[in-house]
Amino acid sequence: MVSPFFGQNAQTMTLLVKLARKNKAKVLMAWAARLDKGKGYELNIKPVNILSSTGRVEDDVALMNQAIEQLVKTKPEQYLWNYKRFKGIVRY
C-alpha cells in the first residue's frame, strides 16, 4: 500500500496493522541505537498506537509511518535511507 512517509508516498506493508487490529494486540516498537565509538548498541522498546479510530487500514498504516518517522528523527544518520520504500511509485 502507498502511504505518506516524510512527505512522500512510500510503499508500506499492511500486515502489522491488520494483525494488530484482528487480534486486538498491543504493538511494541523495538530498535537498536548505535552508541559512540564502538561502544555497542542501546536496545529500546516502547508501545505505539498504530490503530486509528476510523478502523481503516489506510489510516492505521499512516499512523504506523508517523511512529517510524518520529523514531527516525531521533537518529536520522542511523536510518537505512537506501531502503527502497519509494521505488515503484508511479507519479502522474
PDB file of N, CA and C in Angstrom:
ATOM      1  N   MET A   1       0.844  -1.171   0.000  1.00  0.00           N
ATOM      2  CA  MET A   1       0.000   0.000   0.000  1.00  0.00           C
ATOM      3  C   MET A   1       0.897   1.244   0.000  1.00  0.00           C
ATOM      4  N   VAL A   2       0.448   2.271  -0.658  1.00  0.00           N
ATOM      5  CA  VAL A   2       1.175   3.538  -0.677  1.00  0.00           C
ATOM      6  C   VAL A   2       0.639   4.415   0.452  1.00  0.00           C
ATOM      7  N   SER A   3       1.569   4.959   1.247  1.00  0.00           N
ATOM      8  CA  SER A   3       1.190   5.798   2.387  1.00  0.00           C
ATOM      9  C   SER A   3       2.257   6.867   2.585  1.00  0.00           C
ATOM     10  N   PRO A   4       1.887   8.038   3.109  1.00  0.00           N
ATOM     11  CA  PRO A   4       2.872   9.103   3.307  1.00  0.00           C
ATOM     12  C   PRO A   4       3.970   8.706   4.297  1.00  0.00           C
ATOM     13  N   PHE A   5       5.211   9.041   3.929  1.00  0.00           N
ATOM     14  CA  PHE A   5       6.371   8.825   4.792  1.00  0.00           C
ATOM     15  C   PHE A   5       7.333   9.969   4.521  1.00  0.00           C
ATOM     16  N   PHE A   6       7.558  10.815   5.505  1.00  0.00           N
ATOM     17  CA  PHE A   6       8.375  12.018   5.347  1.00  0.00           C
ATOM     18  C   PHE A   6       7.910  12.857   4.156  1.00  0.00           C
ATOM     19  N   GLY A   7       6.593  12.986   4.006  1.00  0.00           N
ATOM     20  CA  GLY A   7       6.035  13.854   2.983  1.00  0.00           C
ATOM     21  C   GLY A   7       6.031  13.288   1.578  1.00  0.00           C
ATOM     22  N   GLN A   8       6.429  12.029   1.424  1.00  0.00           N
ATOM     23  CA  GLN A   8       6.417  11.400   0.110  1.00  0.00           C
ATOM     24  C   GLN A   8       5.608  10.116   0.185  1.00  0.00           C
ATOM     25  N   ASN A   9       5.009   9.734  -0.928  1.00  0.00           N
ATOM     26  CA  ASN A   9       4.326   8.452  -0.976  1.00  0.00           C
ATOM     27  C   ASN A   9       5.364   7.343  -0.935  1.00  0.00           C
ATOM     28  N   ALA A  10       5.123   6.350  -0.076  1.00  0.00           N
ATOM     29  CA  ALA A  10       6.081   5.260   0.087  1.00  0.00           C
ATOM     30  C   ALA A  10       5.352   3.926   0.166  1.00  0.00           C
ATOM     31  N   GLN A  11       5.969   2.902  -0.395  1.00  0.00           N
ATOM     32  CA  GLN A  11       5.436   1.549  -0.265  1.00  0.00           C
ATOM     33  C   GLN A  11       5.478   1.165   1.211  1.00  0.00           C
ATOM     34  N   THR A  12       4.370   0.666   1.745  1.00  0.00           N
ATOM     35  CA  THR A  12       4.281   0.321   3.162  1.00  0.00           C
ATOM     36  C   THR A  12       3.487  -0.972   3.310  1.00  0.00           C
ATOM     37  N   MET A  13       4.035  -1.906   4.082  1.00  0.00           N
ATOM     38  CA  MET A  13       3.333  -3.171   4.319  1.00  0.00           C
ATOM     39  C   MET A  13       2.158  -2.961   5.270  1.00  0.00           C
ATOM     40  N   THR A  14       1.114  -3.736   5.083  1.00  0.00           N
ATOM     41  CA  THR A  14      -0.094  -3.613   5.898  1.00  0.00           C
ATOM     42  C   THR A  14      -0.250  -4.746   6.909  1.00  0.00           C
ATOM     43  N   LEU A  15       0.601  -5.747   6.847  1.00  0.00           N
ATOM     44  CA  LEU A  15       0.431  -6.935   7.690  1.00  0.00           C
ATOM     45  C   LEU A  15       0.366  -6.597   9.176  1.00  0.00           C
ATOM     46  N   LEU A  16       1.257  -5.752   9.660  1.00  0.00           N
ATOM     47  CA  LEU A  16       1.290  -5.441  11.091  1.00  0.00           C
ATOM     48  C   LEU A  16      -0.020  -4.821  11.569  1.00  0.00           C
ATOM     49  N   VAL A  17      -0.528  -3.835  10.847  1.00  0.00           N
ATOM     50  CA  VAL A  17      -1.763  -3.190  11.301  1.00  0.00           C
ATOM     51  C   VAL A  17      -2.954  -4.143  11.204  1.00  0.00           C
ATOM     52  N   LYS A  18      -2.967  -4.986  10.192  1.00  0.00           N
ATOM     53  CA  LYS A  18      -4.064  -5.953  10.064  1.00  0.00           C
ATOM     54  C   LYS A  18      -4.039  -6.967  11.205  1.00  0.00           C
ATOM     55  N   LEU A  19      -2.854  -7.471  11.538  1.00  0.00           N
ATOM     56  CA  LEU A  19      -2.740  -8.424  12.652  1.00  0.00           C
ATOM     57  C   LEU A  19      -3.097  -7.774  13.982  1.00  0.00           C
ATOM     58  N   ALA A  20      -2.611  -6.554  14.194  1.00  0.00           N
ATOM     59  CA  ALA A  20      -2.892  -5.853  15.453  1.00  0.00           C
ATOM     60  C   ALA A  20      -4.389  -5.623  15.618  1.00  0.00           C
ATOM     61  N   ARG A  21      -5.044  -5.201  14.558  1.00  0.00           N
ATOM     62  CA  ARG A  21      -6.483  -4.934  14.644  1.00  0.00           C
ATOM     63  C   ARG A  21      -7.272  -6.236  14.816  1.00  0.00           C
ATOM     64  N   LYS A  22      -6.948  -7.249  14.046  1.00  0.00           N
ATOM     65  CA  LYS A  22      -7.678  -8.519  14.111  1.00  0.00           C
ATOM     66  C   LYS A  22      -7.576  -9.160  15.495  1.00  0.00           C
ATOM     67  N   ASN A  23      -6.387  -9.081  16.101  1.00  0.00           N
ATOM     68  CA  ASN A  23      -6.140  -9.750  17.377  1.00  0.00           C
ATOM     69  C   ASN A  23      -6.210  -8.821  18.582  1.00  0.00           C
ATOM     70  N   LYS A  24      -6.573  -7.551  18.340  1.00  0.00           N
ATOM     71  CA  LYS A  24      -6.617  -6.550  19.417  1.00  0.00           C
ATOM     72  C   LYS A  24      -5.304  -6.544  20.205  1.00  0.00           C
ATOM     73  N   ALA A  25      -4.210  -6.615  19.460  1.00  0.00           N
ATOM     74  CA  ALA A  25      -2.880  -6.730  20.060  1.00  0.00           C
ATOM     75  C   ALA A  25      -2.253  -5.365  20.314  1.00  0.00           C
ATOM     76  N   LYS A  26      -1.481  -5.283  21.363  1.00  0.00           N
ATOM     77  CA  LYS A  26      -0.648  -4.107  21.616  1.00  0.00           C
ATOM     78  C   LYS A  26       0.566  -4.215  20.693  1.00  0.00           C
ATOM     79  N   VAL A  27       1.031  -3.093  20.190  1.00  0.00           N
ATOM     80  CA  VAL A  27       2.185  -3.082  19.299  1.00  0.00           C
ATOM     81  C   VAL A  27       3.351  -2.426  20.020  1.00  0.00           C
ATOM     82  N   LEU A  28       4.495  -3.096  19.978  1.00  0.00           N
ATOM     83  CA  LEU A  28       5.717  -2.554  20.561  1.00  0.00           C
ATOM     84  C   LEU A  28       6.690  -2.254  19.435  1.00  0.00           C
ATOM     85  N   MET A  29       7.286  -1.064  19.473  1.00  0.00           N
ATOM     86  CA  MET A  29       8.315  -0.710  18.506  1.00  0.00           C
ATOM     87  C   MET A  29       9.659  -0.960  19.186  1.00  0.00           C
ATOM     88  N   ALA A  30      10.509  -1.715  18.521  1.00  0.00           N
ATOM     89  CA  ALA A  30      11.830  -2.021  19.072  1.00  0.00           C
ATOM     90  C   ALA A  30      12.898  -1.584  18.080  1.00  0.00           C
ATOM     91  N   TRP A  31      13.977  -1.017  18.593  1.00  0.00           N
ATOM     92  CA  TRP A  31      15.087  -0.590  17.740  1.00  0.00           C
ATOM     93  C   TRP A  31      16.365  -0.556  18.558  1.00  0.00           C
ATOM     94  N   ALA A  32      17.465  -0.650  17.849  1.00  0.00           N
ATOM     95  CA  ALA A  32      18.780  -0.566  18.485  1.00  0.00           C
ATOM     96  C   ALA A  32      19.463   0.693  17.977  1.00  0.00           C
ATOM     97  N   ALA A  33      19.922   1.516  18.899  1.00  0.00           N
ATOM     98  CA  ALA A  33      20.648   2.739  18.541  1.00  0.00           C
ATOM     99  C   ALA A  33      22.136   2.490  18.759  1.00  0.00           C
ATOM    100  N   ARG A  34      22.920   2.752  17.742  1.00  0.00           N
ATOM    101  CA  ARG A  34      24.370   2.568  17.822  1.00  0.00           C
ATOM    102  C   ARG A  34      24.970   3.615  18.760  1.00  0.00           C
ATOM    103  N   LEU A  35      25.809   3.170  19.682  1.00  0.00           N
ATOM    104  CA  LEU A  35      26.472   4.077  20.616  1.00  0.00           C
ATOM    105  C   LEU A  35      27.764   4.606  20.003  1.00  0.00           C
ATOM    106  N   ASP A  36      28.283   5.687  20.554  1.00  0.00           N
ATOM    107  CA  ASP A  36      29.506   6.311  20.046  1.00  0.00           C
ATOM    108  C   ASP A  36      30.730   5.413  20.213  1.00  0.00           C
ATOM    109  N   LYS A  37      31.666   5.582  19.307  1.00  0.00           N
ATOM    110  CA  LYS A  37      32.999   4.983  19.386  1.00  0.00           C
ATOM    111  C   LYS A  37      32.991   3.475  19.622  1.00  0.00           C
ATOM    112  N   GLY A  38      32.115   2.773  18.927  1.00  0.00           N
ATOM    113  CA  GLY A  38      32.102   1.318  19.005  1.00  0.00           C
ATOM    114  C   GLY A  38      31.756   0.741  20.360  1.00  0.00           C
ATOM    115  N   LYS A  39      30.995   1.491  21.148  1.00  0.00           N
ATOM    116  CA  LYS A  39      30.643   1.025  22.495  1.00  0.00           C
ATOM    117  C   LYS A  39      29.418   0.123  22.507  1.00  0.00           C
ATOM    118  N   GLY A  40      28.954  -0.289  21.333  1.00  0.00           N
ATOM    119  CA  GLY A  40      27.822  -1.205  21.272  1.00  0.00           C
ATOM    120  C   GLY A  40      26.537  -0.519  20.869  1.00  0.00           C
ATOM    121  N   TYR A  41      25.439  -1.078  21.361  1.00  0.00           N
ATOM    122  CA  TYR A  41      24.112  -0.604  20.997  1.00  0.00           C
ATOM    123  C   TYR A  41      23.240  -0.466  22.231  1.00  0.00           C
ATOM    124  N   GLU A  42      22.279   0.425  22.137  1.00  0.00           N
ATOM    125  CA  GLU A  42      21.272   0.580  23.182  1.00  0.00           C
ATOM    126  C   GLU A  42      19.961   0.049  22.608  1.00  0.00           C
ATOM    127  N   LEU A  43      19.389  -0.942  23.271  1.00  0.00           N
ATOM    128  CA  LEU A  43      18.132  -1.518  22.821  1.00  0.00           C
ATOM    129  C   LEU A  43      16.974  -0.750  23.437  1.00  0.00           C
ATOM    130  N   ASN A  44      16.026  -0.350  22.610  1.00  0.00           N
ATOM    131  CA  ASN A  44      14.862   0.418  23.049  1.00  0.00           C
ATOM    132  C   ASN A  44      13.589  -0.303  22.637  1.00  0.00           C
ATOM    133  N   ILE A  45      12.599  -0.284  23.517  1.00  0.00           N
ATOM    134  CA  ILE A  45      11.292  -0.863  23.222  1.00  0.00           C
ATOM    135  C   ILE A  45      10.243   0.070  23.809  1.00  0.00           C
ATOM    136  N   LYS A  46       9.246   0.423  22.992  1.00  0.00           N
ATOM    137  CA  LYS A  46       8.171   1.273  23.513  1.00  0.00           C
ATOM    138  C   LYS A  46       6.855   0.911  22.844  1.00  0.00           C
ATOM    139  N   PRO A  47       5.757   1.032  23.583  1.00  0.00           N
ATOM    140  CA  PRO A  47       4.445   0.778  22.977  1.00  0.00           C
ATOM    141  C   PRO A  47       4.073   1.924  22.041  1.00  0.00           C
ATOM    142  N   VAL A  48       3.435   1.596  20.941  1.00  0.00           N
ATOM    143  CA  VAL A  48       2.964   2.611  19.996  1.00  0.00           C
ATOM    144  C   VAL A  48       1.523   2.295  19.613  1.00  0.00           C
ATOM    145  N   ASN A  49       0.761   3.342  19.379  1.00  0.00           N
ATOM    146  CA  ASN A  49      -0.617   3.166  18.927  1.00  0.00           C
ATOM    147  C   ASN A  49      -0.653   3.379  17.422  1.00  0.00           C
ATOM    148  N   ILE A  50      -0.902   2.297  16.697  1.00  0.00           N
ATOM    149  CA  ILE A  50      -0.972   2.406  15.237  1.00  0.00           C
ATOM    150  C   ILE A  50      -2.371   2.094  14.722  1.00  0.00           C
ATOM    151  N   LEU A  51      -3.334   2.021  15.635  1.00  0.00           N
ATOM    152  CA  LEU A  51      -4.705   1.729  15.221  1.00  0.00           C
ATOM    153  C   LEU A  51      -5.551   2.990  15.326  1.00  0.00           C
ATOM    154  N   SER A  52      -6.042   3.441  14.199  1.00  0.00           N
ATOM    155  CA  SER A  52      -6.834   4.670  14.141  1.00  0.00           C
ATOM    156  C   SER A  52      -8.246   4.424  14.658  1.00  0.00           C
ATOM    157  N   SER A  53      -8.922   5.498  14.970  1.00  0.00           N
ATOM    158  CA  SER A  53     -10.315   5.391  15.424  1.00  0.00           C
ATOM    159  C   SER A  53     -11.268   5.092  14.267  1.00  0.00           C
ATOM    160  N   THR A  54     -10.795   5.302  13.028  1.00  0.00           N
ATOM    161  CA  THR A  54     -11.656   5.069  11.867  1.00  0.00           C
ATOM    162  C   THR A  54     -11.779   3.591  11.515  1.00  0.00           C
ATOM    163  N   GLY A  55     -10.773   2.801  11.901  1.00  0.00           N
ATOM    164  CA  GLY A  55     -10.771   1.387  11.551  1.00  0.00           C
ATOM    165  C   GLY A  55     -10.326   1.110  10.128  1.00  0.00           C
ATOM    166  N   ARG A  56      -9.919   2.144   9.420  1.00  0.00           N
ATOM    167  CA  ARG A  56      -9.470   1.987   8.032  1.00  0.00           C
ATOM    168  C   ARG A  56      -7.990   1.624   7.999  1.00  0.00           C
ATOM    169  N   VAL A  57      -7.642   0.618   7.195  1.00  0.00           N
ATOM    170  CA  VAL A  57      -6.252   0.186   7.072  1.00  0.00           C
ATOM    171  C   VAL A  57      -5.371   1.349   6.626  1.00  0.00           C
ATOM    172  N   GLU A  58      -5.865   2.178   5.717  1.00  0.00           N
ATOM    173  CA  GLU A  58      -5.084   3.310   5.216  1.00  0.00           C
ATOM    174  C   GLU A  58      -4.684   4.248   6.352  1.00  0.00           C
ATOM    175  N   ASP A  59      -5.618   4.498   7.265  1.00  0.00           N
ATOM    176  CA  ASP A  59      -5.333   5.393   8.393  1.00  0.00           C
ATOM    177  C   ASP A  59      -4.387   4.735   9.395  1.00  0.00           C
ATOM    178  N   ASP A  60      -4.559   3.427   9.603  1.00  0.00           N
ATOM    179  CA  ASP A  60      -3.663   2.697  10.507  1.00  0.00           C
ATOM    180  C   ASP A  60      -2.228   2.724   9.981  1.00  0.00           C
ATOM    181  N   VAL A  61      -2.074   2.483   8.682  1.00  0.00           N
ATOM    182  CA  VAL A  61      -0.744   2.475   8.071  1.00  0.00           C
ATOM    183  C   VAL A  61      -0.108   3.864   8.163  1.00  0.00           C
ATOM    184  N   ALA A  62      -0.904   4.910   7.981  1.00  0.00           N
ATOM    185  CA  ALA A  62      -0.378   6.275   8.112  1.00  0.00           C
ATOM    186  C   ALA A  62       0.120   6.523   9.536  1.00  0.00           C
ATOM    187  N   LEU A  63      -0.617   6.043  10.540  1.00  0.00           N
ATOM    188  CA  LEU A  63      -0.165   6.183  11.932  1.00  0.00           C
ATOM    189  C   LEU A  63       1.130   5.415  12.164  1.00  0.00           C
ATOM    190  N   MET A  64       1.241   4.230  11.579  1.00  0.00           N
ATOM    191  CA  MET A  64       2.465   3.445  11.718  1.00  0.00           C
ATOM    192  C   MET A  64       3.650   4.200  11.112  1.00  0.00           C
ATOM    193  N   ASN A  65       3.454   4.762   9.921  1.00  0.00           N
ATOM    194  CA  ASN A  65       4.530   5.529   9.294  1.00  0.00           C
ATOM    195  C   ASN A  65       4.906   6.749  10.130  1.00  0.00           C
ATOM    196  N   GLN A  66       3.929   7.395  10.744  1.00  0.00           N
ATOM    197  CA  GLN A  66       4.232   8.543  11.612  1.00  0.00           C
ATOM    198  C   GLN A  66       5.078   8.117  12.803  1.00  0.00           C
ATOM    199  N   ALA A  67       4.782   6.954  13.375  1.00  0.00           N
ATOM    200  CA  ALA A  67       5.571   6.452  14.507  1.00  0.00           C
ATOM    201  C   ALA A  67       7.006   6.173  14.069  1.00  0.00           C
ATOM    202  N   ILE A  68       7.168   5.611  12.881  1.00  0.00           N
ATOM    203  CA  ILE A  68       8.514   5.346  12.359  1.00  0.00           C
ATOM    204  C   ILE A  68       9.238   6.656  12.087  1.00  0.00           C
ATOM    205  N   GLU A  69       8.550   7.642  11.525  1.00  0.00           N
ATOM    206  CA  GLU A  69       9.151   8.957  11.276  1.00  0.00           C
ATOM    207  C   GLU A  69       9.691   9.567  12.564  1.00  0.00           C
ATOM    208  N   GLN A  70       8.891   9.525  13.621  1.00  0.00           N
ATOM    209  CA  GLN A  70       9.328  10.093  14.904  1.00  0.00           C
ATOM    210  C   GLN A  70      10.597   9.410  15.392  1.00  0.00           C
ATOM    211  N   LEU A  71      10.663   8.103  15.235  1.00  0.00           N
ATOM    212  CA  LEU A  71      11.853   7.367  15.639  1.00  0.00           C
ATOM    213  C   LEU A  71      13.055   7.766  14.787  1.00  0.00           C
ATOM    214  N   VAL A  72      12.885   7.804  13.478  1.00  0.00           N
ATOM    215  CA  VAL A  72      13.981   8.145  12.568  1.00  0.00           C
ATOM    216  C   VAL A  72      14.530   9.536  12.877  1.00  0.00           C
ATOM    217  N   LYS A  73      13.658  10.475  13.220  1.00  0.00           N
ATOM    218  CA  LYS A  73      14.092  11.845  13.511  1.00  0.00           C
ATOM    219  C   LYS A  73      15.025  11.922  14.716  1.00  0.00           C
ATOM    220  N   THR A  74      14.987  10.935  15.614  1.00  0.00           N
ATOM    221  CA  THR A  74      15.872  10.968  16.783  1.00  0.00           C
ATOM    222  C   THR A  74      17.316  10.666  16.405  1.00  0.00           C
ATOM    223  N   LYS A  75      17.525   9.837  15.387  1.00  0.00           N
ATOM    224  CA  LYS A  75      18.876   9.478  14.926  1.00  0.00           C
ATOM    225  C   LYS A  75      18.840   9.246  13.414  1.00  0.00           C
ATOM    226  N   PRO A  76      18.619  10.291  12.630  1.00  0.00           N
ATOM    227  CA  PRO A  76      18.465  10.104  11.184  1.00  0.00           C
ATOM    228  C   PRO A  76      19.697   9.494  10.515  1.00  0.00           C
ATOM    229  N   GLU A  77      20.854   9.709  11.085  1.00  0.00           N
ATOM    230  CA  GLU A  77      22.081   9.159  10.497  1.00  0.00           C
ATOM    231  C   GLU A  77      22.136   7.632  10.603  1.00  0.00           C
ATOM    232  N   GLN A  78      21.282   7.050  11.438  1.00  0.00           N
ATOM    233  CA  GLN A  78      21.292   5.599  11.614  1.00  0.00           C
ATOM    234  C   GLN A  78      20.168   4.897  10.855  1.00  0.00           C
ATOM    235  N   TYR A  79      19.341   5.657  10.154  1.00  0.00           N
ATOM    236  CA  TYR A  79      18.257   5.044   9.379  1.00  0.00           C
ATOM    237  C   TYR A  79      18.809   4.510   8.059  1.00  0.00           C
ATOM    238  N   LEU A  80      18.245   3.443   7.573  1.00  0.00           N
ATOM    239  CA  LEU A  80      18.669   2.834   6.315  1.00  0.00           C
ATOM    240  C   LEU A  80      17.979   3.562   5.155  1.00  0.00           C
ATOM    241  N   TRP A  81      18.537   4.718   4.787  1.00  0.00           N
ATOM    242  CA  TRP A  81      17.897   5.579   3.792  1.00  0.00           C
ATOM    243  C   TRP A  81      17.864   4.961   2.400  1.00  0.00           C
ATOM    244  N   ASN A  82      18.744   4.013   2.104  1.00  0.00           N
ATOM    245  CA  ASN A  82      18.729   3.425   0.763  1.00  0.00           C
ATOM    246  C   ASN A  82      17.720   2.288   0.638  1.00  0.00           C
ATOM    247  N   TYR A  83      16.946   2.029   1.698  1.00  0.00           N
ATOM    248  CA  TYR A  83      15.853   1.062   1.641  1.00  0.00           C
ATOM    249  C   TYR A  83      14.853   1.553   0.596  1.00  0.00           C
ATOM    250  N   LYS A  84      14.441   0.687  -0.295  1.00  0.00           N
ATOM    251  CA  LYS A  84      13.655   1.085  -1.476  1.00  0.00           C
ATOM    252  C   LYS A  84      12.169   1.294  -1.184  1.00  0.00           C
ATOM    253  N   ARG A  85      11.835   2.154  -0.244  1.00  0.00           N
ATOM    254  CA  ARG A  85      10.425   2.417   0.080  1.00  0.00           C
ATOM    255  C   ARG A  85       9.737   3.245  -1.001  1.00  0.00           C
ATOM    256  N   PHE A  86      10.508   4.005  -1.757  1.00  0.00           N
ATOM    257  CA  PHE A  86       9.915   4.912  -2.738  1.00  0.00           C
ATOM    258  C   PHE A  86       9.982   4.341  -4.157  1.00  0.00           C
ATOM    259  N   LYS A  87      10.549   3.154  -4.291  1.00  0.00           N
ATOM    260  CA  LYS A  87      10.690   2.517  -5.600  1.00  0.00           C
ATOM    261  C   LYS A  87       9.317   2.055  -6.098  1.00  0.00           C
ATOM    262  N   GLY A  88       9.083   2.237  -7.364  1.00  0.00           N
ATOM    263  CA  GLY A  88       7.865   1.729  -7.973  1.00  0.00           C
ATOM    264  C   GLY A  88       6.645   2.610  -7.779  1.00  0.00           C
ATOM    265  N   ILE A  89       6.824   3.800  -7.238  1.00  0.00           N
ATOM    266  CA  ILE A  89       5.702   4.723  -7.077  1.00  0.00           C
ATOM    267  C   ILE A  89       5.515   5.456  -8.406  1.00  0.00           C
ATOM    268  N   VAL A  90       4.345   5.322  -8.981  1.00  0.00           N
ATOM    269  CA  VAL A  90       4.046   5.995 -10.245  1.00  0.00           C
ATOM    270  C   VAL A  90       3.495   7.371  -9.932  1.00  0.00           C
ATOM    271  N   ARG A  91       4.104   8.387 -10.529  1.00  0.00           N
ATOM    272  CA  ARG A  91       3.646   9.765 -10.325  1.00  0.00           C
ATOM    273  C   ARG A  91       3.064  10.291 -11.625  1.00  0.00           C
ATOM    274  N   TYR A  92       1.859  10.755 -11.559  1.00  0.00           N
ATOM    275  CA  TYR A  92       1.186  11.279 -12.746  1.00  0.00           C
ATOM    276  C   TYR A  92       1.082  12.768 -12.673  1.00  0.00           C
TER     277      TYR A  92
END
